[in-house]
Amino acid sequence: MMKDPKQIARVCLQAARVDLEAHAACGLITADDEFGLRYKIAVQACDVNGDDCQFPSCGCPWPDCSRQARKQ
């Protein structure tokens, strides 16, 4: 059972990205709406993971930057 607030936030961010991609693929939202929602997800991901987080634009399957290799 998840109790860590950051882990709960990451699950929500992943679900938001999946929903956004599904809606975009089906043409249920406009390109402007998609851009705006991706921006909101990105802001929330930065709040959870720090300013270096690139989610949802990165190739990470999960919005958890602590699992990624550090940039040198």
N, C-alpha and C. Protein backbone atom coordinates (compact mmCIF):
# COMPACT_ATOMS: atom_id res chain seq x y z
N MET A 1 0.84 -1.17 0.00
CA MET A 1 0.00 0.00 0.00
C MET A 1 0.89 1.25 0.00
N MET A 2 0.64 2.14 -0.95
CA MET A 2 1.44 3.36 -1.07
C MET A 2 1.00 4.41 -0.06
N LYS A 3 1.98 4.95 0.65
CA LYS A 3 1.69 6.02 1.59
C LYS A 3 2.59 7.22 1.36
N ASP A 4 3.64 7.04 0.57
CA ASP A 4 4.58 8.12 0.29
C ASP A 4 3.90 9.13 -0.64
N PRO A 5 3.76 10.39 -0.23
CA PRO A 5 3.08 11.39 -1.06
C PRO A 5 3.71 11.57 -2.44
N LYS A 6 5.05 11.49 -2.51
CA LYS A 6 5.69 11.63 -3.82
C LYS A 6 5.38 10.45 -4.72
N GLN A 7 5.31 9.26 -4.16
CA GLN A 7 4.98 8.08 -4.97
C GLN A 7 3.53 8.18 -5.47
N ILE A 8 2.64 8.64 -4.63
CA ILE A 8 1.24 8.83 -5.04
C ILE A 8 1.17 9.87 -6.16
N ALA A 9 1.94 10.95 -6.02
CA ALA A 9 1.96 11.99 -7.06
C ALA A 9 2.49 11.42 -8.37
N ARG A 10 3.51 10.56 -8.30
CA ARG A 10 4.07 9.97 -9.52
C ARG A 10 3.06 9.06 -10.22
N VAL A 11 2.29 8.32 -9.45
CA VAL A 11 1.25 7.47 -10.03
C VAL A 11 0.22 8.35 -10.74
N CYS A 12 -0.16 9.44 -10.14
CA CYS A 12 -1.13 10.36 -10.74
C CYS A 12 -0.57 11.00 -12.01
N LEU A 13 0.71 11.37 -12.00
CA LEU A 13 1.33 11.96 -13.19
C LEU A 13 1.37 10.95 -14.34
N GLN A 14 1.72 9.71 -14.02
CA GLN A 14 1.75 8.67 -15.06
C GLN A 14 0.36 8.46 -15.64
N ALA A 15 -0.65 8.40 -14.79
CA ALA A 15 -2.02 8.22 -15.25
C ALA A 15 -2.47 9.41 -16.10
N ALA A 16 -2.07 10.61 -15.71
CA ALA A 16 -2.44 11.80 -16.48
C ALA A 16 -1.80 11.76 -17.87
N ARG A 17 -0.53 11.31 -17.95
CA ARG A 17 0.13 11.23 -19.25
C ARG A 17 -0.55 10.19 -20.14
N VAL A 18 -0.88 9.04 -19.58
CA VAL A 18 -1.55 7.98 -20.36
C VAL A 18 -2.90 8.47 -20.86
N ASP A 19 -3.67 9.11 -20.00
CA ASP A 19 -4.97 9.65 -20.40
C ASP A 19 -4.82 10.70 -21.49
N LEU A 20 -3.85 11.59 -21.32
CA LEU A 20 -3.62 12.64 -22.31
C LEU A 20 -3.27 12.05 -23.67
N GLU A 21 -2.37 11.07 -23.68
CA GLU A 21 -1.97 10.45 -24.95
C GLU A 21 -3.14 9.73 -25.61
N ALA A 22 -3.98 9.08 -24.83
CA ALA A 22 -5.14 8.38 -25.38
C ALA A 22 -6.13 9.37 -25.97
N HIS A 23 -6.40 10.45 -25.26
CA HIS A 23 -7.33 11.45 -25.76
C HIS A 23 -6.79 12.13 -27.03
N ALA A 24 -5.50 12.38 -27.05
CA ALA A 24 -4.88 13.01 -28.22
C ALA A 24 -4.93 12.07 -29.42
N ALA A 25 -4.65 10.79 -29.18
CA ALA A 25 -4.67 9.81 -30.27
C ALA A 25 -6.06 9.64 -30.87
N CYS A 26 -7.07 9.81 -30.06
CA CYS A 26 -8.45 9.67 -30.53
C CYS A 26 -9.00 10.97 -31.09
N GLY A 27 -8.24 12.04 -30.99
CA GLY A 27 -8.68 13.33 -31.50
C GLY A 27 -9.74 13.99 -30.63
N LEU A 28 -9.76 13.65 -29.36
CA LEU A 28 -10.77 14.20 -28.46
C LEU A 28 -10.39 15.55 -27.87
N ILE A 29 -9.12 15.96 -28.04
CA ILE A 29 -8.68 17.26 -27.57
C ILE A 29 -7.91 17.96 -28.69
N THR A 30 -7.90 19.28 -28.63
CA THR A 30 -7.18 20.05 -29.65
C THR A 30 -5.69 20.07 -29.32
N ALA A 31 -4.89 20.46 -30.30
CA ALA A 31 -3.45 20.54 -30.10
C ALA A 31 -3.11 21.56 -29.01
N ASP A 32 -3.84 22.66 -28.97
CA ASP A 32 -3.60 23.67 -27.92
C ASP A 32 -3.90 23.12 -26.53
N ASP A 33 -5.00 22.38 -26.42
CA ASP A 33 -5.33 21.77 -25.13
C ASP A 33 -4.29 20.73 -24.73
N GLU A 34 -3.82 19.95 -25.70
CA GLU A 34 -2.80 18.96 -25.41
C GLU A 34 -1.52 19.64 -24.91
N PHE A 35 -1.12 20.71 -25.57
CA PHE A 35 0.07 21.45 -25.15
C PHE A 35 -0.09 21.97 -23.72
N GLY A 36 -1.25 22.55 -23.43
CA GLY A 36 -1.51 23.09 -22.10
C GLY A 36 -1.50 22.02 -21.03
N LEU A 37 -2.09 20.88 -21.32
CA LEU A 37 -2.11 19.80 -20.33
C LEU A 37 -0.72 19.20 -20.13
N ARG A 38 0.05 19.07 -21.21
CA ARG A 38 1.43 18.59 -21.07
C ARG A 38 2.24 19.56 -20.20
N TYR A 39 1.99 20.85 -20.38
CA TYR A 39 2.68 21.84 -19.56
C TYR A 39 2.33 21.68 -18.08
N LYS A 40 1.05 21.49 -17.79
CA LYS A 40 0.63 21.30 -16.40
C LYS A 40 1.25 20.06 -15.79
N ILE A 41 1.32 18.97 -16.57
CA ILE A 41 1.96 17.75 -16.08
C ILE A 41 3.44 18.01 -15.81
N ALA A 42 4.09 18.74 -16.72
CA ALA A 42 5.51 19.04 -16.55
C ALA A 42 5.77 19.87 -15.29
N VAL A 43 4.92 20.85 -15.03
CA VAL A 43 5.08 21.67 -13.83
C VAL A 43 4.93 20.81 -12.58
N GLN A 44 3.94 19.96 -12.58
CA GLN A 44 3.73 19.09 -11.42
C GLN A 44 4.88 18.10 -11.25
N ALA A 45 5.42 17.60 -12.37
CA ALA A 45 6.56 16.67 -12.29
C ALA A 45 7.78 17.38 -11.71
N CYS A 46 7.98 18.63 -12.06
CA CYS A 46 9.09 19.41 -11.49
C CYS A 46 8.89 19.64 -10.00
N ASP A 47 7.65 19.83 -9.59
CA ASP A 47 7.36 20.00 -8.16
C ASP A 47 7.72 18.73 -7.38
N VAL A 48 7.52 17.57 -8.00
CA VAL A 48 7.78 16.30 -7.33
C VAL A 48 9.25 15.90 -7.42
N ASN A 49 9.85 16.06 -8.61
CA ASN A 49 11.18 15.52 -8.87
C ASN A 49 12.30 16.55 -8.92
N GLY A 50 11.98 17.81 -8.92
CA GLY A 50 13.01 18.84 -9.02
C GLY A 50 13.03 19.48 -10.39
N ASP A 51 13.77 20.56 -10.50
CA ASP A 51 13.75 21.38 -11.71
C ASP A 51 14.37 20.70 -12.93
N ASP A 52 15.16 19.66 -12.75
CA ASP A 52 15.79 18.99 -13.89
C ASP A 52 14.87 17.97 -14.56
N CYS A 53 13.72 17.71 -14.00
CA CYS A 53 12.80 16.71 -14.54
C CYS A 53 12.24 17.18 -15.89
N GLN A 54 12.24 16.28 -16.86
CA GLN A 54 11.74 16.59 -18.20
C GLN A 54 10.41 15.89 -18.51
N PHE A 55 9.85 15.17 -17.54
CA PHE A 55 8.60 14.45 -17.75
C PHE A 55 7.48 15.43 -18.10
N PRO A 56 6.62 15.19 -19.06
CA PRO A 56 6.40 14.00 -19.86
C PRO A 56 7.16 14.00 -21.19
N SER A 57 8.03 14.98 -21.42
CA SER A 57 8.74 15.07 -22.70
C SER A 57 9.88 14.07 -22.81
N CYS A 58 10.36 13.59 -21.70
CA CYS A 58 11.48 12.66 -21.72
C CYS A 58 11.01 11.26 -22.12
N GLY A 59 11.92 10.37 -22.24
CA GLY A 59 11.59 9.00 -22.59
C GLY A 59 11.35 8.11 -21.39
N CYS A 60 11.28 8.72 -20.21
CA CYS A 60 11.10 7.93 -18.99
C CYS A 60 9.72 7.27 -18.98
N PRO A 61 9.68 5.98 -18.71
CA PRO A 61 8.38 5.32 -18.64
C PRO A 61 7.63 5.65 -17.35
N TRP A 62 8.35 6.20 -16.37
CA TRP A 62 7.79 6.47 -15.06
C TRP A 62 8.31 7.82 -14.58
N PRO A 63 7.48 8.67 -14.01
CA PRO A 63 7.93 10.00 -13.59
C PRO A 63 8.70 9.99 -12.27
N ASP A 64 9.80 9.27 -12.25
CA ASP A 64 10.61 9.20 -11.04
C ASP A 64 12.07 9.39 -11.43
N CYS A 65 12.56 10.62 -11.33
CA CYS A 65 13.91 10.94 -11.74
C CYS A 65 14.97 10.29 -10.85
N SER A 66 14.60 9.86 -9.67
CA SER A 66 15.57 9.21 -8.80
C SER A 66 16.00 7.85 -9.35
N ARG A 67 15.23 7.29 -10.25
CA ARG A 67 15.57 6.01 -10.86
C ARG A 67 16.47 6.18 -12.09
N GLN A 68 16.65 7.39 -12.55
CA GLN A 68 17.44 7.65 -13.75
C GLN A 68 18.89 7.90 -13.39
N ALA A 69 19.78 7.62 -14.33
CA ALA A 69 21.20 7.89 -14.12
C ALA A 69 21.41 9.40 -14.03
N ARG A 70 22.27 9.82 -13.15
CA ARG A 70 22.55 11.25 -12.98
C ARG A 70 23.37 11.78 -14.13
N LYS A 71 23.07 13.02 -14.55
CA LYS A 71 23.86 13.70 -15.58
C LYS A 71 25.18 14.12 -14.96
N GLN A 72 26.25 14.01 -15.72
CA GLN A 72 27.55 14.40 -15.19
C GLN A 72 28.07 15.60 -15.91
